PDB file of N, CA and C in Angstrom:
ATOM      1  N   UNK A   1       0.744  -1.340  -0.126  1.00  0.00           N
ATOM      2  CA  UNK A   1       0.063  -0.061   0.133  1.00  0.00           C
ATOM      3  C   UNK A   1       0.740   0.681  -0.179  1.00  0.00           C
ATOM      4  N   UNK A   2       0.508   2.214  -0.884  1.00  0.00           N
ATOM      5  CA  UNK A   2       1.157   3.580  -0.822  1.00  0.00           C
ATOM      6  C   UNK A   2       0.181   4.505  -0.777  1.00  0.00           C
ATOM      7  N   UNK A   3       0.993   5.829  -0.103  1.00  0.00           N
ATOM      8  CA  UNK A   3       0.059   7.016  -0.035  1.00  0.00           C
ATOM      9  C   UNK A   3       0.993   7.953  -1.126  1.00  0.00           C
ATOM     10  N   UNK A   4      -0.455   8.302  -1.855  1.00  0.00           N
ATOM     11  CA  UNK A   4       0.049   9.398  -3.246  1.00  0.00           C
ATOM     12  C   UNK A   4       0.665  10.626  -2.570  1.00  0.00           C
ATOM     13  N   UNK A   5       1.608  10.217  -1.873  1.00  0.00           N
ATOM     14  CA  UNK A   5       2.319  11.721  -1.526  1.00  0.00           C
ATOM     15  C   UNK A   5       4.147  11.465  -2.098  1.00  0.00           C
ATOM     16  N   UNK A   6       4.252  12.382  -3.001  1.00  0.00           N
ATOM     17  CA  UNK A   6       5.464  12.631  -3.849  1.00  0.00           C
ATOM     18  C   UNK A   6       6.751  13.023  -2.852  1.00  0.00           C
ATOM     19  N   UNK A   7       7.858  12.140  -2.443  1.00  0.00           N
ATOM     20  CA  UNK A   7       8.990  12.397  -2.225  1.00  0.00           C
ATOM     21  C   UNK A   7       9.807  13.280  -3.661  1.00  0.00           C
ATOM     22  N   UNK A   8      11.413  13.856  -3.055  1.00  0.00           N
ATOM     23  CA  UNK A   8      11.905  14.209  -3.711  1.00  0.00           C
ATOM     24  C   UNK A   8      12.263  13.200  -5.352  1.00  0.00           C
ATOM     25  N   UNK A   9      12.320  12.333  -4.875  1.00  0.00           N
ATOM     26  CA  UNK A   9      12.754  11.292  -6.130  1.00  0.00           C
ATOM     27  C   UNK A   9      11.613  11.012  -6.708  1.00  0.00           C
ATOM     28  N   UNK A  10      10.415  11.125  -6.421  1.00  0.00           N
ATOM     29  CA  UNK A  10       9.260  11.382  -7.201  1.00  0.00           C
ATOM     30  C   UNK A  10       8.729   9.926  -6.797  1.00  0.00           C
ATOM     31  N   UNK A  11       8.644   9.080  -6.274  1.00  0.00           N
ATOM     32  CA  UNK A  11       8.074   7.988  -5.221  1.00  0.00           C
ATOM     33  C   UNK A  11       7.137   8.066  -4.589  1.00  0.00           C
ATOM     34  N   UNK A  12       6.247   7.431  -4.728  1.00  0.00           N
ATOM     35  CA  UNK A  12       5.044   7.630  -3.768  1.00  0.00           C
ATOM     36  C   UNK A  12       5.510   6.692  -2.180  1.00  0.00           C
ATOM     37  N   UNK A  13       5.444   7.140  -1.049  1.00  0.00           N
ATOM     38  CA  UNK A  13       5.393   6.846   0.264  1.00  0.00           C
ATOM     39  C   UNK A  13       4.726   5.943   0.595  1.00  0.00           C
ATOM     40  N   UNK A  14       4.936   4.568   1.033  1.00  0.00           N
ATOM     41  CA  UNK A  14       4.509   3.626   1.556  1.00  0.00           C
ATOM     42  C   UNK A  14       4.008   4.137   2.959  1.00  0.00           C
ATOM     43  N   UNK A  15       2.466   3.864   3.047  1.00  0.00           N
ATOM     44  CA  UNK A  15       1.200   4.621   3.983  1.00  0.00           C
ATOM     45  C   UNK A  15       2.111   4.106   5.428  1.00  0.00           C
ATOM     46  N   UNK A  16       2.711   2.824   6.046  1.00  0.00           N
ATOM     47  CA  UNK A  16       3.585   2.395   7.461  1.00  0.00           C
ATOM     48  C   UNK A  16       4.818   3.090   7.098  1.00  0.00           C
ATOM     49  N   UNK A  17       5.179   3.864   6.223  1.00  0.00           N
ATOM     50  CA  UNK A  17       6.557   4.662   6.554  1.00  0.00           C
ATOM     51  C   UNK A  17       6.210   6.178   6.825  1.00  0.00           C
ATOM     52  N   UNK A  18       4.926   6.826   6.082  1.00  0.00           N
ATOM     53  CA  UNK A  18       4.504   7.701   6.744  1.00  0.00           C
ATOM     54  C   UNK A  18       3.604   8.096   8.162  1.00  0.00           C
ATOM     55  N   UNK A  19       3.304   7.029   8.444  1.00  0.00           N
ATOM     56  CA  UNK A  19       2.639   6.747   9.766  1.00  0.00           C
ATOM     57  C   UNK A  19       3.906   6.646  10.804  1.00  0.00           C
ATOM     58  N   UNK A  20       4.947   5.742  10.308  1.00  0.00           N
ATOM     59  CA  UNK A  20       5.832   6.137  11.508  1.00  0.00           C
ATOM     60  C   UNK A  20       6.372   7.122  12.042  1.00  0.00           C
ATOM     61  N   UNK A  21       6.714   8.045  10.265  1.00  0.00           N
ATOM     62  CA  UNK A  21       7.144   9.246  10.477  1.00  0.00           C
ATOM     63  C   UNK A  21       6.409  10.061  11.499  1.00  0.00           C
ATOM     64  N   UNK A  22       5.346   9.954  11.459  1.00  0.00           N
ATOM     65  CA  UNK A  22       4.132  10.867  12.377  1.00  0.00           C
ATOM     66  C   UNK A  22       4.478  10.367  13.735  1.00  0.00           C
ATOM     67  N   UNK A  23       4.018   9.142  13.808  1.00  0.00           N
ATOM     68  CA  UNK A  23       4.542   8.852  15.497  1.00  0.00           C
ATOM     69  C   UNK A  23       5.440   8.900  16.195  1.00  0.00           C
ATOM     70  N   UNK A  24       7.067   9.546  15.238  1.00  0.00           N
ATOM     71  CA  UNK A  24       8.407   9.552  16.110  1.00  0.00           C
ATOM     72  C   UNK A  24       7.787  10.796  16.094  1.00  0.00           C
ATOM     73  N   UNK A  25       7.309  11.871  15.186  1.00  0.00           N
ATOM     74  CA  UNK A  25       7.386  13.338  15.567  1.00  0.00           C
ATOM     75  C   UNK A  25       6.476  13.119  16.878  1.00  0.00           C
ATOM     76  N   UNK A  26       5.263  12.551  17.181  1.00  0.00           N
ATOM     77  CA  UNK A  26       4.682  13.055  18.030  1.00  0.00           C
ATOM     78  C   UNK A  26       5.560  12.376  19.504  1.00  0.00           C
ATOM     79  N   UNK A  27       5.935  11.393  19.569  1.00  0.00           N
ATOM     80  CA  UNK A  27       6.666  10.637  20.460  1.00  0.00           C
ATOM     81  C   UNK A  27       7.972  11.472  21.028  1.00  0.00           C
ATOM     82  N   UNK A  28       8.454  12.488  20.120  1.00  0.00           N
ATOM     83  CA  UNK A  28       9.814  13.296  20.172  1.00  0.00           C
ATOM     84  C   UNK A  28       9.031  14.739  20.825  1.00  0.00           C
ATOM     85  N   UNK A  29       7.902  14.952  20.170  1.00  0.00           N
ATOM     86  CA  UNK A  29       7.413  15.982  21.329  1.00  0.00           C
ATOM     87  C   UNK A  29       6.849  15.988  22.501  1.00  0.00           C
ATOM     88  N   UNK A  30       6.149  14.409  22.613  1.00  0.00           N
ATOM     89  CA  UNK A  30       5.794  14.060  24.033  1.00  0.00           C
ATOM     90  C   UNK A  30       7.029  14.224  25.177  1.00  0.00           C
ATOM     91  N   UNK A  31       8.156  13.133  24.391  1.00  0.00           N
ATOM     92  CA  UNK A  31       9.351  13.404  25.090  1.00  0.00           C
ATOM     93  C   UNK A  31      10.180  14.405  25.808  1.00  0.00           C
ATOM     94  N   UNK A  32      10.040  15.053  24.725  1.00  0.00           N
ATOM     95  CA  UNK A  32      10.405  16.845  24.858  1.00  0.00           C
ATOM     96  C   UNK A  32       9.633  17.947  26.094  1.00  0.00           C
ATOM     97  N   UNK A  33       8.484  17.637  26.132  1.00  0.00           N
ATOM     98  CA  UNK A  33       7.442  18.058  27.384  1.00  0.00           C
ATOM     99  C   UNK A  33       7.378  17.188  28.401  1.00  0.00           C
ATOM    100  N   UNK A  34       8.062  15.890  28.125  1.00  0.00           N
ATOM    101  CA  UNK A  34       8.300  15.048  29.669  1.00  0.00           C
ATOM    102  C   UNK A  34       9.390  15.561  30.237  1.00  0.00           C
ATOM    103  N   UNK A  35      10.301  15.949  29.734  1.00  0.00           N
ATOM    104  CA  UNK A  35      11.871  16.144  29.924  1.00  0.00           C
ATOM    105  C   UNK A  35      11.765  17.553  30.865  1.00  0.00           C
ATOM    106  N   UNK A  36      11.140  18.528  30.447  1.00  0.00           N
ATOM    107  CA  UNK A  36      10.692  19.874  30.658  1.00  0.00           C
ATOM    108  C   UNK A  36       9.907  19.735  32.330  1.00  0.00           C
ATOM    109  N   UNK A  37       9.047  18.803  31.960  1.00  0.00           N
ATOM    110  CA  UNK A  37       8.306  19.099  32.876  1.00  0.00           C
ATOM    111  C   UNK A  37       8.950  18.183  34.665  1.00  0.00           C
ATOM    112  N   UNK A  38       9.699  17.098  33.956  1.00  0.00           N
ATOM    113  CA  UNK A  38      10.541  16.001  35.374  1.00  0.00           C
ATOM    114  C   UNK A  38      11.267  16.962  35.632  1.00  0.00           C
ATOM    115  N   UNK A  39      12.137  17.535  34.602  1.00  0.00           N
ATOM    116  CA  UNK A  39      13.290  18.206  34.962  1.00  0.00           C
ATOM    117  C   UNK A  39      14.460  17.548  35.657  1.00  0.00           C
ATOM    118  N   UNK A  40      14.871  17.866  36.871  1.00  0.00           N
ATOM    119  CA  UNK A  40      16.060  17.151  37.814  1.00  0.00           C
ATOM    120  C   UNK A  40      15.377  15.874  38.375  1.00  0.00           C
ATOM    121  N   UNK A  41      14.154  15.306  37.918  1.00  0.00           N
ATOM    122  CA  UNK A  41      13.946  14.086  38.680  1.00  0.00           C
ATOM    123  C   UNK A  41      14.510  12.766  37.590  1.00  0.00           C
ATOM    124  N   UNK A  42      14.625  13.312  36.506  1.00  0.00           N
ATOM    125  CA  UNK A  42      15.295  12.168  35.768  1.00  0.00           C
ATOM    126  C   UNK A  42      16.808  12.010  35.841  1.00  0.00           C
ATOM    127  N   UNK A  43      16.630  10.855  35.651  1.00  0.00           N
ATOM    128  CA  UNK A  43      18.130  10.512  35.971  1.00  0.00           C
ATOM    129  C   UNK A  43      18.628   9.507  34.819  1.00  0.00           C
ATOM    130  N   UNK A  44      17.601   8.865  33.971  1.00  0.00           N
ATOM    131  CA  UNK A  44      18.233   7.942  32.853  1.00  0.00           C
ATOM    132  C   UNK A  44      16.818   8.436  31.465  1.00  0.00           C
ATOM    133  N   UNK A  45      17.491   8.474  30.426  1.00  0.00           N
ATOM    134  CA  UNK A  45      16.626   8.969  29.451  1.00  0.00           C
ATOM    135  C   UNK A  45      16.676   7.148  28.721  1.00  0.00           C
ATOM    136  N   UNK A  46      14.993   6.930  28.110  1.00  0.00           N
ATOM    137  CA  UNK A  46      15.494   5.649  27.329  1.00  0.00           C
ATOM    138  C   UNK A  46      14.481   6.076  26.073  1.00  0.00           C
ATOM    139  N   UNK A  47      14.091   4.760  25.614  1.00  0.00           N
ATOM    140  CA  UNK A  47      13.556   5.142  24.473  1.00  0.00           C
ATOM    141  C   UNK A  47      12.229   5.389  24.101  1.00  0.00           C
ATOM    142  N   UNK A  48      11.762   4.841  24.897  1.00  0.00           N
ATOM    143  CA  UNK A  48      10.438   5.578  25.185  1.00  0.00           C
ATOM    144  C   UNK A  48       9.736   6.031  26.400  1.00  0.00           C
ATOM    145  N   UNK A  49      10.754   6.694  27.553  1.00  0.00           N
ATOM    146  CA  UNK A  49      10.683   7.070  28.173  1.00  0.00           C
ATOM    147  C   UNK A  49      11.563   7.123  29.234  1.00  0.00           C
ATOM    148  N   UNK A  50      11.391   7.781  30.741  1.00  0.00           N
ATOM    149  CA  UNK A  50      12.560   7.799  31.682  1.00  0.00           C
ATOM    150  C   UNK A  50      12.586   7.069  32.718  1.00  0.00           C
ATOM    151  N   UNK A  51      13.779   7.038  33.231  1.00  0.00           N
ATOM    152  CA  UNK A  51      14.074   6.639  34.773  1.00  0.00           C
ATOM    153  C   UNK A  51      14.255   7.581  35.492  1.00  0.00           C
ATOM    154  N   UNK A  52      13.408   8.132  36.838  1.00  0.00           N
ATOM    155  CA  UNK A  52      13.273   8.779  37.887  1.00  0.00           C
ATOM    156  C   UNK A  52      13.759   8.829  39.040  1.00  0.00           C
ATOM    157  N   UNK A  53      14.531   9.728  39.879  1.00  0.00           N
ATOM    158  CA  UNK A  53      14.691   9.204  41.092  1.00  0.00           C
ATOM    159  C   UNK A  53      13.661   9.244  42.517  1.00  0.00           C
ATOM    160  N   UNK A  54      12.777   9.807  42.095  1.00  0.00           N
ATOM    161  CA  UNK A  54      11.134  10.299  42.551  1.00  0.00           C
ATOM    162  C   UNK A  54       9.910   9.629  41.908  1.00  0.00           C
ATOM    163  N   UNK A  55       8.910   9.001  42.930  1.00  0.00           N
ATOM    164  CA  UNK A  55       7.783   8.593  41.918  1.00  0.00           C
ATOM    165  C   UNK A  55       7.000  10.025  41.123  1.00  0.00           C
ATOM    166  N   UNK A  56       6.618   9.553  39.908  1.00  0.00           N
ATOM    167  CA  UNK A  56       5.767  10.505  39.307  1.00  0.00           C
ATOM    168  C   UNK A  56       4.203  10.455  39.227  1.00  0.00           C
ATOM    169  N   UNK A  57       3.573  11.756  39.698  1.00  0.00           N
ATOM    170  CA  UNK A  57       2.587  11.413  39.494  1.00  0.00           C
ATOM    171  C   UNK A  57       1.861  11.572  37.707  1.00  0.00           C
ATOM    172  N   UNK A  58       1.680   9.948  37.808  1.00  0.00           N
ATOM    173  CA  UNK A  58       1.490   9.948  36.191  1.00  0.00           C
ATOM    174  C   UNK A  58       0.131  10.425  35.745  1.00  0.00           C
ATOM    175  N   UNK A  59      -0.792  11.025  36.731  1.00  0.00           N
ATOM    176  CA  UNK A  59      -2.063  11.398  36.064  1.00  0.00           C
ATOM    177  C   UNK A  59      -1.855  13.287  35.860  1.00  0.00           C
ATOM    178  N   UNK A  60      -0.950  13.918  36.680  1.00  0.00           N
ATOM    179  CA  UNK A  60      -0.273  14.774  36.403  1.00  0.00           C
ATOM    180  C   UNK A  60       0.271  15.046  35.019  1.00  0.00           C
ATOM    181  N   UNK A  61       1.303  14.155  35.097  1.00  0.00           N
ATOM    182  CA  UNK A  61       1.973  14.277  33.946  1.00  0.00           C
ATOM    183  C   UNK A  61       1.233  14.103  32.706  1.00  0.00           C
ATOM    184  N   UNK A  62       0.273  12.995  32.465  1.00  0.00           N
ATOM    185  CA  UNK A  62      -0.593  13.043  31.264  1.00  0.00           C
ATOM    186  C   UNK A  62      -1.380  14.241  31.065  1.00  0.00           C
ATOM    187  N   UNK A  63      -1.916  14.587  32.130  1.00  0.00           N
ATOM    188  CA  UNK A  63      -2.657  16.256  31.761  1.00  0.00           C
ATOM    189  C   UNK A  63      -1.894  16.943  31.345  1.00  0.00           C
ATOM    190  N   UNK A  64      -0.684  17.016  32.046  1.00  0.00           N
ATOM    191  CA  UNK A  64       0.302  18.403  31.436  1.00  0.00           C
ATOM    192  C   UNK A  64       0.773  17.886  29.784  1.00  0.00           C
ATOM    193  N   UNK A  65       0.672  17.002  29.780  1.00  0.00           N
ATOM    194  CA  UNK A  65       1.278  16.619  28.142  1.00  0.00           C
ATOM    195  C   UNK A  65      -0.144  16.582  27.007  1.00  0.00           C
ATOM    196  N   UNK A  66      -1.450  16.714  27.805  1.00  0.00           N
ATOM    197  CA  UNK A  66      -2.409  16.285  27.318  1.00  0.00           C
ATOM    198  C   UNK A  66      -2.424  18.408  26.552  1.00  0.00           C
ATOM    199  N   UNK A  67      -2.121  19.163  27.654  1.00  0.00           N
ATOM    200  CA  UNK A  67      -2.491  20.630  27.865  1.00  0.00           C
ATOM    201  C   UNK A  67      -1.172  20.972  26.882  1.00  0.00           C
ATOM    202  N   UNK A  68       0.212  20.514  26.593  1.00  0.00           N
ATOM    203  CA  UNK A  68       1.040  21.402  25.714  1.00  0.00           C
ATOM    204  C   UNK A  68       1.084  20.240  24.578  1.00  0.00           C
ATOM    205  N   UNK A  69       0.796  19.611  24.343  1.00  0.00           N
ATOM    206  CA  UNK A  69       0.929  18.485  22.545  1.00  0.00           C
ATOM    207  C   UNK A  69      -0.746  18.846  22.772  1.00  0.00           C
ATOM    208  N   UNK A  70      -1.878  18.330  23.157  1.00  0.00           N
ATOM    209  CA  UNK A  70      -2.713  17.747  22.427  1.00  0.00           C
ATOM    210  C   UNK A  70      -3.328  16.701  22.384  1.00  0.00           C
ATOM    211  N   UNK A  71      -1.703  15.601  22.967  1.00  0.00           N
ATOM    212  CA  UNK A  71      -2.177  14.355  22.595  1.00  0.00           C
ATOM    213  C   UNK A  71      -2.372  13.905  24.266  1.00  0.00           C
ATOM    214  N   UNK A  72      -3.330  12.438  23.961  1.00  0.00           N
ATOM    215  CA  UNK A  72      -3.941  12.221  25.141  1.00  0.00           C
ATOM    216  C   UNK A  72      -2.986  10.739  25.406  1.00  0.00           C
ATOM    217  N   UNK A  73      -2.271  10.812  26.537  1.00  0.00           N
ATOM    218  CA  UNK A  73      -1.480   9.508  26.712  1.00  0.00           C
ATOM    219  C   UNK A  73      -1.325   9.193  28.171  1.00  0.00           C
ATOM    220  N   UNK A  74      -1.241   8.056  27.774  1.00  0.00           N
ATOM    221  CA  UNK A  74      -1.274   7.582  29.889  1.00  0.00           C
ATOM    222  C   UNK A  74       0.178   6.775  29.501  1.00  0.00           C
ATOM    223  N   UNK A  75       0.897   7.068  30.989  1.00  0.00           N
ATOM    224  CA  UNK A  75       1.807   6.608  31.401  1.00  0.00           C
ATOM    225  C   UNK A  75       2.039   5.658  32.685  1.00  0.00           C
ATOM    226  N   UNK A  76       2.723   4.519  32.275  1.00  0.00           N
ATOM    227  CA  UNK A  76       2.785   3.434  33.518  1.00  0.00           C
ATOM    228  C   UNK A  76       3.829   3.920  34.139  1.00  0.00           C
ATOM    229  N   UNK A  77       3.951   3.420  35.569  1.00  0.00           N
ATOM    230  CA  UNK A  77       5.376   3.585  36.349  1.00  0.00           C
ATOM    231  C   UNK A  77       5.385   1.967  37.070  1.00  0.00           C
ATOM    232  N   UNK A  78       7.137   1.626  36.756  1.00  0.00           N
ATOM    233  CA  UNK A  78       7.187   0.759  37.467  1.00  0.00           C
ATOM    234  C   UNK A  78       8.419   0.785  38.773  1.00  0.00           C
ATOM    235  N   UNK A  79       8.157   0.349  39.789  1.00  0.00           N
ATOM    236  CA  UNK A  79       9.843   0.663  41.117  1.00  0.00           C
ATOM    237  C   UNK A  79      10.624  -0.176  40.600  1.00  0.00           C
ATOM    238  N   UNK A  80      11.878   0.215  40.259  1.00  0.00           N
ATOM    239  CA  UNK A  80      12.918  -0.594  39.874  1.00  0.00           C
ATOM    240  C   UNK A  80      13.562  -0.877  41.542  1.00  0.00           C
ATOM    241  N   UNK A  81      14.016  -2.317  41.452  1.00  0.00           N
ATOM    242  CA  UNK A  81      14.797  -2.524  43.075  1.00  0.00           C
ATOM    243  C   UNK A  81      16.024  -2.694  42.464  1.00  0.00           C
ATOM    244  N   UNK A  82      16.825  -2.104  43.688  1.00  0.00           N
ATOM    245  CA  UNK A  82      18.601  -2.389  43.492  1.00  0.00           C
ATOM    246  C   UNK A  82      18.895  -3.233  44.044  1.00  0.00           C
ATOM    247  N   UNK A  83      19.176  -4.809  43.508  1.00  0.00           N
ATOM    248  CA  UNK A  83      20.154  -5.435  44.463  1.00  0.00           C
ATOM    249  C   UNK A  83      21.484  -5.227  43.596  1.00  0.00           C
ATOM    250  N   UNK A  84      22.658  -5.023  44.263  1.00  0.00           N
ATOM    251  CA  UNK A  84      24.075  -5.368  44.261  1.00  0.00           C
ATOM    252  C   UNK A  84      24.551  -6.532  44.974  1.00  0.00           C
ATOM    253  N   UNK A  85      23.764  -7.062  45.328  1.00  0.00           N
ATOM    254  CA  UNK A  85      25.100  -8.020  45.878  1.00  0.00           C
ATOM    255  C   UNK A  85      25.420  -9.224  45.056  1.00  0.00           C
ATOM    256  N   UNK A  86      24.628  -8.969  43.866  1.00  0.00           N
ATOM    257  CA  UNK A  86      24.565 -10.399  42.989  1.00  0.00           C
ATOM    258  C   UNK A  86      24.849  -9.792  41.809  1.00  0.00           C
ATOM    259  N   UNK A  87      25.806 -10.737  40.841  1.00  0.00           N
ATOM    260  CA  UNK A  87      25.851 -11.034  39.864  1.00  0.00           C
ATOM    261  C   UNK A  87      25.322 -11.789  39.088  1.00  0.00           C
ATOM    262  N   UNK A  88      26.066 -11.901  37.466  1.00  0.00           N
ATOM    263  CA  UNK A  88      25.305 -12.964  36.876  1.00  0.00           C
ATOM    264  C   UNK A  88      25.894 -14.226  36.808  1.00  0.00           C
ATOM    265  N   UNK A  89      26.785 -14.229  38.057  1.00  0.00           N
ATOM    266  CA  UNK A  89      27.177 -15.728  37.926  1.00  0.00           C
ATOM    267  C   UNK A  89      26.723 -16.034  39.128  1.00  0.00           C
ATOM    268  N   UNK A  90      25.630 -15.794  39.856  1.00  0.00           N
ATOM    269  CA  UNK A  90      25.854 -16.327  41.409  1.00  0.00           C
ATOM    270  C   UNK A  90      26.728 -15.928  42.114  1.00  0.00           C
ATOM    271  N   UNK A  91      27.970 -15.683  42.536  1.00  0.00           N
ATOM    272  CA  UNK A  91      28.590 -15.422  43.358  1.00  0.00           C
ATOM    273  C   UNK A  91      28.035 -13.986  44.455  1.00  0.00           C
ATOM    274  N   UNK A  92      28.985 -14.371  45.346  1.00  0.00           N
ATOM    275  CA  UNK A  92      28.014 -13.169  46.723  1.00  0.00           C
ATOM    276  C   UNK A  92      29.357 -12.566  46.875  1.00  0.00           C
ATOM    277  N   UNK A  93      28.873 -11.144  46.641  1.00  0.00           N
ATOM    278  CA  UNK A  93      30.384 -10.222  47.598  1.00  0.00           C
ATOM    279  C   UNK A  93      29.832  -9.254  48.080  1.00  0.00           C
ATOM    280  N   UNK A  94      30.302  -8.878  49.128  1.00  0.00           N
ATOM    281  CA  UNK A  94      29.623  -7.918  50.472  1.00  0.00           C
ATOM    282  C   UNK A  94      29.698  -6.687  49.658  1.00  0.00           C
ATOM    283  N   UNK A  95      28.855  -5.751  50.008  1.00  0.00           N
ATOM    284  CA  UNK A  95      28.732  -4.834  48.953  1.00  0.00           C
ATOM    285  C   UNK A  95      28.444  -3.002  50.048  1.00  0.00           C
ATOM    286  N   UNK A  96      28.947  -2.637  49.899  1.00  0.00           N
ATOM    287  CA  UNK A  96      28.488  -1.463  51.311  1.00  0.00           C
ATOM    288  C   UNK A  96      27.969  -0.092  50.272  1.00  0.00           C
ATOM    289  N   UNK A  97      26.723  -0.858  50.652  1.00  0.00           N
ATOM    290  CA  UNK A  97      25.590   0.439  49.513  1.00  0.00           C
ATOM    291  C   UNK A  97      25.363   1.722  50.105  1.00  0.00           C
ATOM    292  N   UNK A  98      25.827   2.170  51.489  1.00  0.00           N
ATOM    293  CA  UNK A  98      25.791   3.913  51.825  1.00  0.00           C
ATOM    294  C   UNK A  98      27.177   4.212  51.104  1.00  0.00           C
ATOM    295  N   UNK A  99      28.217   3.230  50.864  1.00  0.00           N
ATOM    296  CA  UNK A  99      29.251   3.917  50.405  1.00  0.00           C
ATOM    297  C   UNK A  99      28.913   4.336  48.922  1.00  0.00           C
ATOM    298  N   UNK A 100      28.362   3.649  48.072  1.00  0.00           N
ATOM    299  CA  UNK A 100      27.620   3.766  46.793  1.00  0.00           C
ATOM    300  C   UNK A 100      26.701   5.109  46.749  1.00  0.00           C
ATOM    301  N   UNK A 101      26.037   4.689  47.422  1.00  0.00           N
ATOM    302  CA  UNK A 101      24.839   6.090  47.453  1.00  0.00           C
ATOM    303  C   UNK A 101      25.252   7.541  47.757  1.00  0.00           C
ATOM    304  N   UNK A 102      26.087   7.006  49.043  1.00  0.00           N
ATOM    305  CA  UNK A 102      27.367   8.495  48.909  1.00  0.00           C
ATOM    306  C   UNK A 102      27.987   9.125  48.040  1.00  0.00           C
ATOM    307  N   UNK A 103      28.310   8.055  47.292  1.00  0.00           N
ATOM    308  CA  UNK A 103      29.345   8.512  46.322  1.00  0.00           C
ATOM    309  C   UNK A 103      28.233   9.323  45.041  1.00  0.00           C
ATOM    310  N   UNK A 104      27.259   8.903  44.836  1.00  0.00           N
ATOM    311  CA  UNK A 104      26.423   9.131  43.346  1.00  0.00           C
ATOM    312  C   UNK A 104      25.404  10.037  44.048  1.00  0.00           C
ATOM    313  N   UNK A 105      25.398  10.346  45.261  1.00  0.00           N
ATOM    314  CA  UNK A 105      24.314  11.148  45.546  1.00  0.00           C
ATOM    315  C   UNK A 105      24.398  12.735  44.765  1.00  0.00           C
ATOM    316  N   UNK A 106      23.602  13.321  44.459  1.00  0.00           N
ATOM    317  CA  UNK A 106      23.270  14.621  44.069  1.00  0.00           C
ATOM    318  C   UNK A 106      23.738  15.712  44.953  1.00  0.00           C
TER     319      UNK A 106
END
């Protein structure tokens, strides 16, 4: 399936490619506003979301995104657990968590 939209090389654009382009633009706009809204709470940008230091009010974030972009989106939140005492080969090595937290505290 193609959409009768001509590119510079005069070929028609596939509908799937056109839709992907539109969705990437929408996702980029949403992520830009998420970054501004969440600010210093963000510790990691991911492909389709962020990791934050503190829990986020996802309803308030959804309202903000709707107000700023016109897109109605919902966000899921998942608490990540920290277990620094295990590695991939099941060996145990004592870890001083307080030292790690002090080292990386902002």
